[in-house]
Amino acid sequence: GSYQQRFSAYDREGEPCLTPNCIGTIKRIVQSGRSSFYCPVC
């Protein structure tokens, strides 16, 4: 599959957020043993 090429958050720790006009950086945390990727700014 090729959808991983379109990820905006998942597996992008430390990379710039792709939300328009957002200056955040994708962060990784662990929730119930699973990785969560999100932007703490937007």
All heavy atoms as atom14 arrays in JSON, in Angstrom:
{
  "sequence": "GSYQQRFSAYDREGEPCLTPNCIGTIKRIVQSGRSSFYCPVC",
  "atom14_mask": [
    [1, 1, 1, 1, 0, 0, 0, 0, 0, 0, 0, 0, 0, 0],
    [1, 1, 1, 1, 1, 1, 0, 0, 0, 0, 0, 0, 0, 0],
    [1, 1, 1, 1, 1, 1, 1, 1, 1, 1, 1, 1, 0, 0],
    [1, 1, 1, 1, 1, 1, 1, 1, 1, 0, 0, 0, 0, 0],
    [1, 1, 1, 1, 1, 1, 1, 1, 1, 0, 0, 0, 0, 0],
    [1, 1, 1, 1, 1, 1, 1, 1, 1, 1, 1, 0, 0, 0],
    [1, 1, 1, 1, 1, 1, 1, 1, 1, 1, 1, 0, 0, 0],
    [1, 1, 1, 1, 1, 1, 0, 0, 0, 0, 0, 0, 0, 0],
    [1, 1, 1, 1, 1, 0, 0, 0, 0, 0, 0, 0, 0, 0],
    [1, 1, 1, 1, 1, 1, 1, 1, 1, 1, 1, 1, 0, 0],
    [1, 1, 1, 1, 1, 1, 1, 1, 0, 0, 0, 0, 0, 0],
    [1, 1, 1, 1, 1, 1, 1, 1, 1, 1, 1, 0, 0, 0],
    [1, 1, 1, 1, 1, 1, 1, 1, 1, 0, 0, 0, 0, 0],
    [1, 1, 1, 1, 0, 0, 0, 0, 0, 0, 0, 0, 0, 0],
    [1, 1, 1, 1, 1, 1, 1, 1, 1, 0, 0, 0, 0, 0],
    [1, 1, 1, 1, 1, 1, 1, 0, 0, 0, 0, 0, 0, 0],
    [1, 1, 1, 1, 1, 1, 0, 0, 0, 0, 0, 0, 0, 0],
    [1, 1, 1, 1, 1, 1, 1, 1, 0, 0, 0, 0, 0, 0],
    [1, 1, 1, 1, 1, 1, 1, 0, 0, 0, 0, 0, 0, 0],
    [1, 1, 1, 1, 1, 1, 1, 0, 0, 0, 0, 0, 0, 0],
    [1, 1, 1, 1, 1, 1, 1, 1, 0, 0, 0, 0, 0, 0],
    [1, 1, 1, 1, 1, 1, 0, 0, 0, 0, 0, 0, 0, 0],
    [1, 1, 1, 1, 1, 1, 1, 1, 0, 0, 0, 0, 0, 0],
    [1, 1, 1, 1, 0, 0, 0, 0, 0, 0, 0, 0, 0, 0],
    [1, 1, 1, 1, 1, 1, 1, 0, 0, 0, 0, 0, 0, 0],
    [1, 1, 1, 1, 1, 1, 1, 1, 0, 0, 0, 0, 0, 0],
    [1, 1, 1, 1, 1, 1, 1, 1, 1, 0, 0, 0, 0, 0],
    [1, 1, 1, 1, 1, 1, 1, 1, 1, 1, 1, 0, 0, 0],
    [1, 1, 1, 1, 1, 1, 1, 1, 0, 0, 0, 0, 0, 0],
    [1, 1, 1, 1, 1, 1, 1, 0, 0, 0, 0, 0, 0, 0],
    [1, 1, 1, 1, 1, 1, 1, 1, 1, 0, 0, 0, 0, 0],
    [1, 1, 1, 1, 1, 1, 0, 0, 0, 0, 0, 0, 0, 0],
    [1, 1, 1, 1, 0, 0, 0, 0, 0, 0, 0, 0, 0, 0],
    [1, 1, 1, 1, 1, 1, 1, 1, 1, 1, 1, 0, 0, 0],
    [1, 1, 1, 1, 1, 1, 0, 0, 0, 0, 0, 0, 0, 0],
    [1, 1, 1, 1, 1, 1, 0, 0, 0, 0, 0, 0, 0, 0],
    [1, 1, 1, 1, 1, 1, 1, 1, 1, 1, 1, 0, 0, 0],
    [1, 1, 1, 1, 1, 1, 1, 1, 1, 1, 1, 1, 0, 0],
    [1, 1, 1, 1, 1, 1, 0, 0, 0, 0, 0, 0, 0, 0],
    [1, 1, 1, 1, 1, 1, 1, 0, 0, 0, 0, 0, 0, 0],
    [1, 1, 1, 1, 1, 1, 1, 0, 0, 0, 0, 0, 0, 0],
    [1, 1, 1, 1, 1, 1, 0, 0, 0, 0, 0, 0, 0, 0]
  ],
  "atom14_positions": [
    [[0.82, -1.2, 0.0], [0.0, 0.0, 0.0], [0.86, 1.25, 0.0], [2.04, 1.22, 0.33], [0.0, 0.0, 0.0], [0.0, 0.0, 0.0], [0.0, 0.0, 0.0], [0.0, 0.0, 0.0], [0.0, 0.0, 0.0], [0.0, 0.0, 0.0], [0.0, 0.0, 0.0], [0.0, 0.0, 0.0], [0.0, 0.0, 0.0], [0.0, 0.0, 0.0]],
    [[0.24, 2.37, -0.37], [1.01, 3.61, -0.5], [0.51, 4.75, 0.37], [1.04, 5.85, 0.29], [0.98, 4.07, -1.97], [-0.35, 4.37, -2.37], [0.0, 0.0, 0.0], [0.0, 0.0, 0.0], [0.0, 0.0, 0.0], [0.0, 0.0, 0.0], [0.0, 0.0, 0.0], [0.0, 0.0, 0.0], [0.0, 0.0, 0.0], [0.0, 0.0, 0.0]],
    [[-0.5, 4.49, 1.22], [-1.08, 5.6, 1.97], [-0.11, 6.22, 2.96], [-0.25, 7.39, 3.35], [-2.36, 5.16, 2.7], [-3.14, 6.34, 3.25], [-3.86, 7.16, 2.39], [-3.13, 6.65, 4.6], [-4.56, 8.26, 2.87], [-3.82, 7.74, 5.09], [-4.53, 8.55, 4.21], [-5.22, 9.63, 4.7], [0.0, 0.0, 0.0], [0.0, 0.0, 0.0]],
    [[0.93, 5.46, 3.39], [1.89, 6.02, 4.33], [2.59, 7.26, 3.77], [3.11, 8.09, 4.51], [2.93, 4.96, 4.73], [3.95, 4.6, 3.67], [3.41, 3.62, 2.65], [2.25, 3.23, 2.72], [4.25, 3.22, 1.72], [0.0, 0.0, 0.0], [0.0, 0.0, 0.0], [0.0, 0.0, 0.0], [0.0, 0.0, 0.0], [0.0, 0.0, 0.0]],
    [[2.57, 7.42, 2.45], [3.17, 8.6, 1.84], [2.34, 9.86, 2.1], [2.82, 10.97, 1.87], [3.33, 8.37, 0.33], [4.23, 7.21, -0.02], [4.19, 6.85, -1.5], [3.57, 7.56, -2.29], [4.82, 5.75, -1.85], [0.0, 0.0, 0.0], [0.0, 0.0, 0.0], [0.0, 0.0, 0.0], [0.0, 0.0, 0.0], [0.0, 0.0, 0.0]],
    [[1.1, 9.68, 2.58], [0.22, 10.81, 2.84], [0.05, 11.11, 4.32], [-0.75, 11.97, 4.69], [-1.17, 10.55, 2.23], [-1.14, 10.19, 0.76], [-2.57, 10.06, 0.25], [-2.64, 9.36, -1.01], [-3.78, 9.06, -1.64], [-4.93, 9.43, -1.08], [-3.78, 8.41, -2.77], [0.0, 0.0, 0.0], [0.0, 0.0, 0.0], [0.0, 0.0, 0.0]],
    [[0.76, 10.38, 5.2], [0.59, 10.62, 6.63], [0.87, 12.08, 6.96], [1.87, 12.66, 6.53], [1.56, 9.75, 7.44], [1.22, 8.29, 7.48], [2.16, 7.36, 7.9], [-0.04, 7.84, 7.13], [1.86, 6.02, 7.96], [-0.36, 6.5, 7.18], [0.61, 5.57, 7.6], [0.0, 0.0, 0.0], [0.0, 0.0, 0.0], [0.0, 0.0, 0.0]],
    [[-0.02, 12.66, 7.76], [0.21, 14.03, 8.23], [0.72, 14.04, 9.67], [1.3, 15.03, 10.11], [-1.08, 14.85, 8.13], [-2.09, 14.29, 8.96], [0.0, 0.0, 0.0], [0.0, 0.0, 0.0], [0.0, 0.0, 0.0], [0.0, 0.0, 0.0], [0.0, 0.0, 0.0], [0.0, 0.0, 0.0], [0.0, 0.0, 0.0], [0.0, 0.0, 0.0]],
    [[0.51, 12.95, 10.41], [0.94, 12.89, 11.8], [1.66, 11.58, 12.13], [2.74, 11.6, 12.71], [-0.25, 13.08, 12.73], [0.0, 0.0, 0.0], [0.0, 0.0, 0.0], [0.0, 0.0, 0.0], [0.0, 0.0, 0.0], [0.0, 0.0, 0.0], [0.0, 0.0, 0.0], [0.0, 0.0, 0.0], [0.0, 0.0, 0.0], [0.0, 0.0, 0.0]],
    [[1.06, 10.47, 11.76], [1.6, 9.18, 12.18], [3.03, 8.97, 11.69], [3.36, 9.21, 10.53], [0.72, 8.03, 11.68], [1.11, 6.7, 12.3], [0.61, 6.32, 13.54], [2.01, 5.86, 11.66], [0.99, 5.13, 14.13], [2.41, 4.67, 12.26], [1.89, 4.31, 13.49], [2.28, 3.13, 14.08], [0.0, 0.0, 0.0], [0.0, 0.0, 0.0]],
    [[3.9, 8.54, 12.62], [5.3, 8.21, 12.32], [6.09, 9.4, 11.81], [7.08, 9.24, 11.1], [5.36, 7.06, 11.3], [6.67, 6.3, 11.37], [7.26, 6.25, 12.45], [7.1, 5.75, 10.33], [0.0, 0.0, 0.0], [0.0, 0.0, 0.0], [0.0, 0.0, 0.0], [0.0, 0.0, 0.0], [0.0, 0.0, 0.0], [0.0, 0.0, 0.0]],
    [[5.68, 10.64, 12.19], [6.37, 11.86, 11.74], [6.96, 12.64, 12.92], [7.09, 13.85, 12.87], [5.43, 12.76, 10.93], [4.93, 12.13, 9.64], [4.18, 13.14, 8.77], [5.08, 14.2, 8.33], [4.99, 15.47, 8.73], [4.05, 15.84, 9.61], [5.84, 16.38, 8.3], [0.0, 0.0, 0.0], [0.0, 0.0, 0.0], [0.0, 0.0, 0.0]],
    [[7.34, 11.94, 13.97], [7.89, 12.6, 15.14], [9.06, 13.51, 14.76], [9.97, 13.13, 14.03], [8.38, 11.56, 16.16], [8.95, 12.17, 17.42], [9.49, 11.12, 18.38], [9.63, 9.94, 17.97], [9.77, 11.48, 19.53], [0.0, 0.0, 0.0], [0.0, 0.0, 0.0], [0.0, 0.0, 0.0], [0.0, 0.0, 0.0], [0.0, 0.0, 0.0]],
    [[9.01, 14.75, 15.27], [10.08, 15.71, 15.03], [9.99, 16.46, 13.72], [10.8, 17.37, 13.46], [0.0, 0.0, 0.0], [0.0, 0.0, 0.0], [0.0, 0.0, 0.0], [0.0, 0.0, 0.0], [0.0, 0.0, 0.0], [0.0, 0.0, 0.0], [0.0, 0.0, 0.0], [0.0, 0.0, 0.0], [0.0, 0.0, 0.0], [0.0, 0.0, 0.0]],
    [[8.99, 16.14, 12.91], [8.82, 16.8, 11.62], [7.8, 17.93, 11.73], [6.94, 17.92, 12.6], [8.4, 15.8, 10.55], [9.43, 14.71, 10.29], [9.0, 13.76, 9.19], [8.23, 14.19, 8.3], [9.43, 12.59, 9.2], [0.0, 0.0, 0.0], [0.0, 0.0, 0.0], [0.0, 0.0, 0.0], [0.0, 0.0, 0.0], [0.0, 0.0, 0.0]],
    [[7.87, 18.92, 10.84], [6.93, 20.05, 10.9], [5.49, 19.61, 10.69], [5.22, 18.72, 9.87], [7.4, 20.96, 9.77], [8.8, 20.56, 9.49], [8.88, 19.09, 9.78], [0.0, 0.0, 0.0], [0.0, 0.0, 0.0], [0.0, 0.0, 0.0], [0.0, 0.0, 0.0], [0.0, 0.0, 0.0], [0.0, 0.0, 0.0], [0.0, 0.0, 0.0]],
    [[4.59, 20.23, 11.42], [3.16, 19.97, 11.22], [2.76, 20.45, 9.83], [3.19, 21.52, 9.37], [2.34, 20.68, 12.29], [0.56, 20.47, 12.11], [0.0, 0.0, 0.0], [0.0, 0.0, 0.0], [0.0, 0.0, 0.0], [0.0, 0.0, 0.0], [0.0, 0.0, 0.0], [0.0, 0.0, 0.0], [0.0, 0.0, 0.0], [0.0, 0.0, 0.0]],
    [[1.92, 19.67, 9.15], [1.51, 20.0, 7.8], [0.21, 20.79, 7.75], [-0.26, 21.14, 6.66], [1.36, 18.71, 6.97], [2.64, 17.89, 6.8], [2.35, 16.63, 5.99], [3.73, 18.72, 6.14], [0.0, 0.0, 0.0], [0.0, 0.0, 0.0], [0.0, 0.0, 0.0], [0.0, 0.0, 0.0], [0.0, 0.0, 0.0], [0.0, 0.0, 0.0]],
    [[-0.38, 21.08, 8.91], [-1.58, 21.92, 8.92], [-1.23, 23.32, 8.44], [-0.24, 23.9, 8.91], [-2.16, 22.0, 10.34], [-2.48, 20.67, 10.8], [-3.42, 22.85, 10.37], [0.0, 0.0, 0.0], [0.0, 0.0, 0.0], [0.0, 0.0, 0.0], [0.0, 0.0, 0.0], [0.0, 0.0, 0.0], [0.0, 0.0, 0.0], [0.0, 0.0, 0.0]],
    [[-1.99, 23.86, 7.49], [-1.67, 25.21, 6.98], [-1.53, 26.23, 8.1], [-2.35, 26.29, 9.02], [-2.87, 25.52, 6.08], [-3.35, 24.17, 5.61], [-3.14, 23.26, 6.8], [0.0, 0.0, 0.0], [0.0, 0.0, 0.0], [0.0, 0.0, 0.0], [0.0, 0.0, 0.0], [0.0, 0.0, 0.0], [0.0, 0.0, 0.0], [0.0, 0.0, 0.0]],
    [[-0.47, 27.03, 8.03], [-0.19, 28.13, 8.96], [0.17, 27.67, 10.37], [0.29, 28.5, 11.27], [-1.38, 29.1, 9.03], [-1.74, 29.68, 7.68], [-0.85, 30.07, 6.91], [-3.03, 29.74, 7.39], [0.0, 0.0, 0.0], [0.0, 0.0, 0.0], [0.0, 0.0, 0.0], [0.0, 0.0, 0.0], [0.0, 0.0, 0.0], [0.0, 0.0, 0.0]],
    [[0.36, 26.38, 10.58], [0.76, 25.9, 11.89], [2.29, 25.86, 11.97], [2.96, 25.43, 11.02], [0.2, 24.5, 12.17], [0.65, 23.86, 13.8], [0.0, 0.0, 0.0], [0.0, 0.0, 0.0], [0.0, 0.0, 0.0], [0.0, 0.0, 0.0], [0.0, 0.0, 0.0], [0.0, 0.0, 0.0], [0.0, 0.0, 0.0], [0.0, 0.0, 0.0]],
    [[2.83, 26.28, 13.11], [4.28, 26.3, 13.29], [4.74, 25.16, 14.21], [5.9, 25.13, 14.64], [4.75, 27.64, 13.87], [4.09, 27.88, 15.24], [4.44, 28.79, 12.91], [4.64, 29.1, 15.97], [0.0, 0.0, 0.0], [0.0, 0.0, 0.0], [0.0, 0.0, 0.0], [0.0, 0.0, 0.0], [0.0, 0.0, 0.0], [0.0, 0.0, 0.0]],
    [[3.85, 24.23, 14.49], [4.16, 23.16, 15.42], [5.03, 22.06, 14.83], [5.26, 22.0, 13.62], [0.0, 0.0, 0.0], [0.0, 0.0, 0.0], [0.0, 0.0, 0.0], [0.0, 0.0, 0.0], [0.0, 0.0, 0.0], [0.0, 0.0, 0.0], [0.0, 0.0, 0.0], [0.0, 0.0, 0.0], [0.0, 0.0, 0.0], [0.0, 0.0, 0.0]],
    [[5.48, 21.18, 15.71], [6.28, 20.02, 15.35], [5.59, 18.78, 15.89], [5.12, 18.77, 17.04], [7.7, 20.12, 15.94], [8.35, 21.29, 15.42], [8.53, 18.89, 15.57], [0.0, 0.0, 0.0], [0.0, 0.0, 0.0], [0.0, 0.0, 0.0], [0.0, 0.0, 0.0], [0.0, 0.0, 0.0], [0.0, 0.0, 0.0], [0.0, 0.0, 0.0]],
    [[5.51, 17.73, 15.09], [4.82, 16.51, 15.51], [5.56, 15.87, 16.68], [6.77, 15.7, 16.68], [4.72, 15.51, 14.34], [3.91, 16.11, 13.19], [4.08, 14.19, 14.82], [2.48, 16.47, 13.55], [0.0, 0.0, 0.0], [0.0, 0.0, 0.0], [0.0, 0.0, 0.0], [0.0, 0.0, 0.0], [0.0, 0.0, 0.0], [0.0, 0.0, 0.0]],
    [[4.77, 15.53, 17.69], [5.3, 14.93, 18.91], [4.78, 13.5, 19.05], [3.67, 13.19, 18.61], [4.86, 15.76, 20.12], [5.38, 15.27, 21.46], [4.91, 16.19, 22.59], [5.41, 15.7, 23.94], [4.96, 16.59, 25.04], [0.0, 0.0, 0.0], [0.0, 0.0, 0.0], [0.0, 0.0, 0.0], [0.0, 0.0, 0.0], [0.0, 0.0, 0.0]],
    [[5.58, 12.66, 19.67], [5.17, 11.27, 19.94], [5.04, 11.05, 21.43], [5.92, 11.42, 22.21], [6.19, 10.29, 19.38], [5.91, 8.82, 19.74], [7.03, 7.92, 19.25], [6.86, 6.55, 19.72], [7.33, 6.07, 20.88], [8.01, 6.89, 21.69], [7.15, 4.81, 21.23], [0.0, 0.0, 0.0], [0.0, 0.0, 0.0], [0.0, 0.0, 0.0]],
    [[3.92, 10.46, 21.83], [3.72, 10.03, 23.21], [3.25, 8.58, 23.19], [2.9, 8.04, 22.12], [2.69, 10.91, 23.97], [1.33, 10.86, 23.25], [3.19, 12.34, 24.09], [0.22, 11.55, 24.03], [0.0, 0.0, 0.0], [0.0, 0.0, 0.0], [0.0, 0.0, 0.0], [0.0, 0.0, 0.0], [0.0, 0.0, 0.0], [0.0, 0.0, 0.0]],
    [[3.24, 7.94, 24.32], [2.77, 6.56, 24.43], [1.5, 6.53, 25.27], [1.47, 7.04, 26.39], [3.84, 5.64, 25.05], [3.29, 4.22, 25.21], [5.09, 5.62, 24.19], [0.0, 0.0, 0.0], [0.0, 0.0, 0.0], [0.0, 0.0, 0.0], [0.0, 0.0, 0.0], [0.0, 0.0, 0.0], [0.0, 0.0, 0.0], [0.0, 0.0, 0.0]],
    [[0.46, 5.94, 24.7], [-0.82, 5.79, 25.39], [-1.21, 4.32, 25.38], [-1.36, 3.73, 24.31], [-1.91, 6.62, 24.72], [-1.71, 8.12, 24.79], [-2.82, 8.87, 24.07], [-2.86, 8.91, 22.85], [-3.73, 9.45, 24.85], [0.0, 0.0, 0.0], [0.0, 0.0, 0.0], [0.0, 0.0, 0.0], [0.0, 0.0, 0.0], [0.0, 0.0, 0.0]],
    [[-1.34, 3.75, 26.55], [-1.71, 2.34, 26.68], [-0.82, 1.44, 25.83], [-1.3, 0.51, 25.17], [-3.19, 2.14, 26.3], [-4.03, 2.93, 27.11], [0.0, 0.0, 0.0], [0.0, 0.0, 0.0], [0.0, 0.0, 0.0], [0.0, 0.0, 0.0], [0.0, 0.0, 0.0], [0.0, 0.0, 0.0], [0.0, 0.0, 0.0], [0.0, 0.0, 0.0]],
    [[0.47, 1.75, 25.82], [1.42, 0.93, 25.1], [1.51, 1.19, 23.62], [2.26, 0.51, 22.92], [0.0, 0.0, 0.0], [0.0, 0.0, 0.0], [0.0, 0.0, 0.0], [0.0, 0.0, 0.0], [0.0, 0.0, 0.0], [0.0, 0.0, 0.0], [0.0, 0.0, 0.0], [0.0, 0.0, 0.0], [0.0, 0.0, 0.0], [0.0, 0.0, 0.0]],
    [[0.76, 2.19, 23.11], [0.77, 2.48, 21.67], [1.27, 3.9, 21.43], [0.99, 4.81, 22.22], [-0.63, 2.33, 21.07], [-1.17, 0.91, 21.15], [-2.55, 0.84, 20.51], [-3.11, -0.49, 20.57], [-4.29, -0.82, 20.06], [-5.03, 0.11, 19.47], [-4.73, -2.06, 20.14], [0.0, 0.0, 0.0], [0.0, 0.0, 0.0], [0.0, 0.0, 0.0]],
    [[1.96, 4.09, 20.34], [2.47, 5.42, 20.0], [1.35, 6.29, 19.47], [0.56, 5.86, 18.62], [3.57, 5.31, 18.94], [4.71, 4.66, 19.46], [0.0, 0.0, 0.0], [0.0, 0.0, 0.0], [0.0, 0.0, 0.0], [0.0, 0.0, 0.0], [0.0, 0.0, 0.0], [0.0, 0.0, 0.0], [0.0, 0.0, 0.0], [0.0, 0.0, 0.0]],
    [[1.29, 7.5, 19.98], [0.38, 8.52, 19.46], [1.21, 9.67, 18.91], [2.15, 10.14, 19.56], [-0.55, 9.05, 20.56], [-1.43, 8.06, 21.02], [0.0, 0.0, 0.0], [0.0, 0.0, 0.0], [0.0, 0.0, 0.0], [0.0, 0.0, 0.0], [0.0, 0.0, 0.0], [0.0, 0.0, 0.0], [0.0, 0.0, 0.0], [0.0, 0.0, 0.0]],
    [[0.88, 10.11, 17.71], [1.58, 11.21, 17.07], [0.59, 12.36, 16.91], [-0.51, 12.16, 16.38], [2.13, 10.78, 15.72], [3.14, 9.66, 15.79], [2.72, 8.34, 15.77], [4.49, 9.94, 15.9], [3.64, 7.29, 15.85], [5.43, 8.91, 15.97], [5.0, 7.59, 15.95], [0.0, 0.0, 0.0], [0.0, 0.0, 0.0], [0.0, 0.0, 0.0]],
    [[0.98, 13.57, 17.35], [0.07, 14.7, 17.26], [0.87, 15.99, 17.29], [2.08, 16.01, 17.62], [-0.94, 14.67, 18.41], [-0.38, 15.12, 19.74], [-0.7, 16.38, 20.27], [0.49, 14.3, 20.46], [-0.18, 16.8, 21.49], [1.01, 14.72, 21.68], [0.68, 15.97, 22.18], [1.2, 16.38, 23.38], [0.0, 0.0, 0.0], [0.0, 0.0, 0.0]],
    [[0.2, 17.08, 16.94], [0.81, 18.4, 16.98], [0.31, 19.12, 18.23], [-0.9, 19.38, 18.35], [0.46, 19.21, 15.74], [1.07, 20.92, 15.82], [0.0, 0.0, 0.0], [0.0, 0.0, 0.0], [0.0, 0.0, 0.0], [0.0, 0.0, 0.0], [0.0, 0.0, 0.0], [0.0, 0.0, 0.0], [0.0, 0.0, 0.0], [0.0, 0.0, 0.0]],
    [[1.2, 19.46, 19.17], [0.77, 20.14, 20.39], [0.33, 21.58, 20.18], [-0.2, 22.2, 21.1], [2.01, 20.08, 21.28], [3.16, 19.91, 20.35], [2.64, 19.14, 19.17], [0.0, 0.0, 0.0], [0.0, 0.0, 0.0], [0.0, 0.0, 0.0], [0.0, 0.0, 0.0], [0.0, 0.0, 0.0], [0.0, 0.0, 0.0], [0.0, 0.0, 0.0]],
    [[0.54, 22.12, 18.97], [0.15, 23.49, 18.68], [-1.28, 23.57, 18.16], [-2.11, 24.32, 18.68], [1.13, 24.15, 17.69], [0.63, 25.54, 17.28], [2.52, 24.23, 18.3], [0.0, 0.0, 0.0], [0.0, 0.0, 0.0], [0.0, 0.0, 0.0], [0.0, 0.0, 0.0], [0.0, 0.0, 0.0], [0.0, 0.0, 0.0], [0.0, 0.0, 0.0]],
    [[-1.59, 22.8, 17.13], [-2.92, 22.93, 16.5], [-3.93, 21.88, 16.97], [-5.12, 22.0, 16.65], [-2.79, 22.9, 14.98], [-2.26, 21.33, 14.29], [0.0, 0.0, 0.0], [0.0, 0.0, 0.0], [0.0, 0.0, 0.0], [0.0, 0.0, 0.0], [0.0, 0.0, 0.0], [0.0, 0.0, 0.0], [0.0, 0.0, 0.0], [0.0, 0.0, 0.0]]
  ]
}
